[in-house]
Amino acid sequence: MSTQHYIFGYGSLISSTSRRITGIAGDSMAVRVNGLERTWVGWQGTSMRAVAAWPKPQASCNGVLFQVPESELEKFDERETHYVRGQLEHSQITHLDGADKLDPNSVVWIYLYAHQGNHLNDAPIVQSYLDVIVLGCQEISATFASEFIEHTQNWAHWHDDRHDPVYPRAQDHKQSQQIDQLLAQLVPLAFTQRVRSS
């Protein structure tokens, strides 16, 4: 029997629409990974920040596992070009519905931040990218979306680009007000400093 491959999505890959733009992706399972911290980062040559994760004891990060054919991994590698693909241990993973459906021999991949030690550039968080993530979280539950926001570090330097999206996989939606209310509640200081395009 061939080995099953999963990817742990903790940012835009939480969104079923976004990940299927890239390649074949199976249904998702909501999980929490222990020993992993998610934060906003920027790096040279980019016009926006993205979320990234790195190992950190005592931290945790929610996201989704989705199955991919091994032949599709190259497409996701190309999408996640600023990251390094590594493996997660099954023991790090908590299934939020309480049911572990993973084959014990399956491989779980994660795209980790590969630029520790580099200074962040001054690129902003862009709303069009954040919207894709929050919409993906809301596919699971409102609580899941709140956990994403509360367990992501480094909220700062924020640009509302909804009318002219910077993010190439931006999605049209009618939930701007709902998303803004959630952000204003959970990260009020950063949200009040969000700058709209003129």
Protein backbone atom coordinates (compact mmCIF):
# COMPACT_ATOMS: atom_id res chain seq x y z
CA MET A 1 0.00 0.00 0.00
CA SER A 2 1.39 3.42 -0.93
CA THR A 3 2.17 6.00 1.73
CA GLN A 4 -0.48 8.65 2.35
CA HIS A 5 0.70 12.27 2.34
CA TYR A 6 -0.90 15.17 4.22
CA ILE A 7 -0.07 18.86 4.43
CA PHE A 8 -0.71 20.90 7.57
CA GLY A 9 -2.15 24.23 6.43
CA TYR A 10 -1.98 27.01 9.03
CA GLY A 11 -2.49 30.11 6.84
CA SER A 12 -4.10 30.54 3.43
CA LEU A 13 -4.05 26.75 2.95
CA ILE A 14 -6.79 26.53 5.60
CA SER A 15 -9.11 27.79 2.85
CA SER A 16 -10.44 24.95 0.70
CA THR A 17 -10.83 27.33 -2.24
CA SER A 18 -7.27 28.62 -1.94
CA ARG A 19 -5.54 25.25 -1.67
CA ARG A 20 -7.48 23.82 -4.61
CA ILE A 21 -6.24 26.67 -6.78
CA THR A 22 -2.79 25.12 -6.36
CA GLY A 23 -3.41 21.39 -6.74
CA ILE A 24 -5.45 18.33 -5.87
CA ALA A 25 -6.35 18.50 -2.18
CA GLY A 26 -8.61 16.20 -0.21
CA ASP A 27 -11.10 17.12 2.49
CA SER A 28 -9.62 18.74 5.57
CA MET A 29 -9.44 17.77 9.24
CA ALA A 30 -9.29 20.52 11.86
CA VAL A 31 -6.31 20.04 14.17
CA ARG A 32 -4.04 21.78 16.64
CA VAL A 33 -0.29 21.22 16.51
CA ASN A 34 1.71 21.48 19.72
CA GLY A 35 5.24 22.89 19.80
CA LEU A 36 4.62 25.30 16.94
CA GLU A 37 4.23 29.10 16.92
CA ARG A 38 2.59 31.10 14.11
CA THR A 39 3.57 34.71 13.47
CA TRP A 40 3.42 37.40 10.81
CA VAL A 41 6.68 37.74 8.88
CA GLY A 42 8.05 39.63 5.91
CA TRP A 43 11.12 39.01 3.80
CA GLN A 44 13.07 40.71 1.08
CA GLY A 45 11.45 41.02 -2.31
CA THR A 46 7.84 40.74 -1.13
CA SER A 47 5.13 43.41 -0.95
CA MET A 48 3.16 41.82 1.89
CA ARG A 49 3.67 39.88 5.08
CA ALA A 50 2.54 36.29 5.42
CA VAL A 51 1.98 33.96 8.33
CA ALA A 52 4.78 31.54 9.07
CA ALA A 53 5.44 28.94 11.73
CA TRP A 54 8.48 27.68 13.55
CA PRO A 55 9.10 25.23 16.38
CA LYS A 56 8.54 26.67 19.86
CA PRO A 57 7.97 24.63 23.03
CA GLN A 58 4.71 25.36 24.88
CA ALA A 59 3.17 27.09 21.84
CA SER A 60 0.36 25.71 19.70
CA CYS A 61 -1.06 26.45 16.26
CA ASN A 62 -4.44 25.49 14.82
CA GLY A 63 -4.93 24.58 11.17
CA VAL A 64 -6.06 21.78 8.90
CA LEU A 65 -4.65 18.54 7.55
CA PHE A 66 -5.54 17.72 3.98
CA GLN A 67 -4.46 14.74 1.92
CA VAL A 68 -2.51 15.26 -1.29
CA PRO A 69 -1.22 12.79 -3.86
CA GLU A 70 2.57 12.58 -3.65
CA SER A 71 2.71 13.77 -7.25
CA GLU A 72 1.06 17.08 -6.22
CA LEU A 73 3.60 18.01 -3.54
CA GLU A 74 5.79 19.78 -6.09
CA LYS A 75 2.95 22.20 -6.87
CA PHE A 76 2.58 23.12 -3.21
CA ASP A 77 6.37 23.46 -2.88
CA GLU A 78 6.27 25.98 -5.71
CA ARG A 79 3.45 27.91 -4.03
CA GLU A 80 5.29 27.98 -0.69
CA THR A 81 8.56 29.08 -2.22
CA HIS A 82 9.73 31.10 0.82
CA TYR A 83 9.29 28.11 3.14
CA VAL A 84 11.01 24.77 3.73
CA ARG A 85 8.90 21.61 3.76
CA GLY A 86 9.49 19.46 6.81
CA GLN A 87 7.69 16.66 8.66
CA LEU A 88 5.45 16.79 11.71
CA GLU A 89 5.34 14.03 14.28
CA HIS A 90 1.91 12.47 14.71
CA SER A 91 2.31 12.93 18.46
CA GLN A 92 2.22 16.73 17.99
CA ILE A 93 -1.24 16.62 16.41
CA THR A 94 -4.53 16.92 18.30
CA HIS A 95 -7.67 16.30 16.25
CA LEU A 96 -10.25 18.90 17.25
CA ASP A 97 -13.20 16.59 16.63
CA GLY A 98 -11.57 13.99 18.86
CA ALA A 99 -11.19 11.37 16.12
CA ASP A 100 -7.73 10.56 14.77
CA LYS A 101 -8.34 9.44 11.18
CA LEU A 102 -4.69 9.36 10.12
CA ASP A 103 -3.03 6.19 8.99
CA PRO A 104 -0.15 5.73 11.48
CA ASN A 105 2.25 5.31 8.56
CA SER A 106 1.17 8.50 6.79
CA VAL A 107 3.52 11.44 6.37
CA VAL A 108 2.41 14.89 7.55
CA TRP A 109 4.23 17.79 5.91
CA ILE A 110 4.49 21.40 7.07
CA TYR A 111 5.95 24.48 5.43
CA LEU A 112 8.22 26.10 8.02
CA TYR A 113 9.71 29.58 8.01
CA ALA A 114 13.29 29.35 6.75
CA HIS A 115 14.55 32.87 7.47
CA GLN A 116 15.21 32.99 11.22
CA GLY A 117 17.79 35.61 12.01
CA ASN A 118 16.81 37.81 9.08
CA HIS A 119 15.26 41.17 9.87
CA LEU A 120 11.66 41.65 8.83
CA ASN A 121 11.16 44.11 6.05
CA ASP A 122 8.50 46.79 6.39
CA ALA A 123 5.94 45.05 4.17
CA PRO A 124 2.42 45.22 5.64
CA ILE A 125 -0.15 42.62 6.53
CA VAL A 126 -2.67 42.92 3.69
CA GLN A 127 -6.37 42.49 4.29
CA SER A 128 -7.02 40.50 1.10
CA TYR A 129 -4.66 37.74 2.30
CA LEU A 130 -6.01 37.80 5.84
CA ASP A 131 -9.58 37.57 4.52
CA VAL A 132 -8.75 34.33 2.68
CA ILE A 133 -7.41 32.83 5.91
CA VAL A 134 -10.35 33.93 8.07
CA LEU A 135 -12.87 32.72 5.48
CA GLY A 136 -11.09 29.35 5.54
CA CYS A 137 -11.25 29.27 9.34
CA GLN A 138 -14.95 30.07 9.23
CA GLU A 139 -15.49 27.00 7.04
CA ILE A 140 -14.72 25.12 10.26
CA SER A 141 -16.22 27.33 12.98
CA ALA A 142 -16.25 30.83 14.46
CA THR A 143 -14.26 29.48 17.42
CA PHE A 144 -11.60 28.15 15.06
CA ALA A 145 -11.32 31.61 13.43
CA SER A 146 -10.95 33.25 16.84
CA GLU A 147 -8.21 30.79 17.80
CA PHE A 148 -6.31 31.61 14.61
CA ILE A 149 -6.34 35.33 15.42
CA GLU A 150 -5.53 34.91 19.11
CA HIS A 151 -2.67 32.45 18.49
CA THR A 152 -0.92 34.46 15.75
CA GLN A 153 1.87 36.82 16.86
CA ASN A 154 3.17 40.15 15.57
CA TRP A 155 0.01 41.98 14.47
CA ALA A 156 1.30 45.28 13.09
CA HIS A 157 1.63 47.51 10.01
CA TRP A 158 -1.68 46.63 8.39
CA HIS A 159 -3.05 47.64 4.98
CA ASP A 160 -6.69 47.38 3.89
CA ASP A 161 -6.33 46.57 0.18
CA ARG A 162 -9.77 45.04 -0.40
CA HIS A 163 -10.69 47.38 -3.26
CA ASP A 164 -7.37 46.69 -5.06
CA PRO A 165 -5.99 43.39 -3.71
CA VAL A 166 -2.26 42.83 -3.46
CA TYR A 167 -2.67 39.12 -2.74
CA PRO A 168 -2.76 37.10 -6.00
CA ARG A 169 -5.27 34.52 -4.68
CA ALA A 170 -7.69 37.07 -3.18
CA GLN A 171 -11.33 35.96 -3.00
CA ASP A 172 -14.52 37.92 -3.63
CA HIS A 173 -16.82 37.69 -0.62
CA LYS A 174 -19.54 39.54 1.26
CA GLN A 175 -18.23 39.00 4.80
CA SER A 176 -16.02 42.08 5.22
CA GLN A 177 -18.14 43.53 8.03
CA GLN A 178 -18.26 40.24 9.92
CA ILE A 179 -14.49 39.74 9.58
CA ASP A 180 -13.79 43.32 10.68
CA GLN A 181 -15.97 42.94 13.78
CA LEU A 182 -14.03 39.83 14.79
CA LEU A 183 -10.65 41.51 14.26
CA ALA A 184 -11.72 44.65 16.12
CA GLN A 185 -12.75 42.48 19.06
CA LEU A 186 -9.65 40.27 19.20
CA VAL A 187 -6.77 42.53 18.03
CA PRO A 188 -8.21 46.01 18.68
CA LEU A 189 -4.94 47.96 18.86
CA ALA A 190 -3.60 46.65 15.55
CA PHE A 191 -7.02 46.92 13.90
CA THR A 192 -7.44 50.60 14.78
CA GLN A 193 -4.07 51.28 13.12
CA ARG A 194 -5.06 49.58 9.87
CA VAL A 195 -4.46 51.91 6.92
CA ARG A 196 -6.89 51.96 3.99
CA SER A 197 -5.71 52.60 0.46
CA SER A 198 -6.52 56.08 -0.77
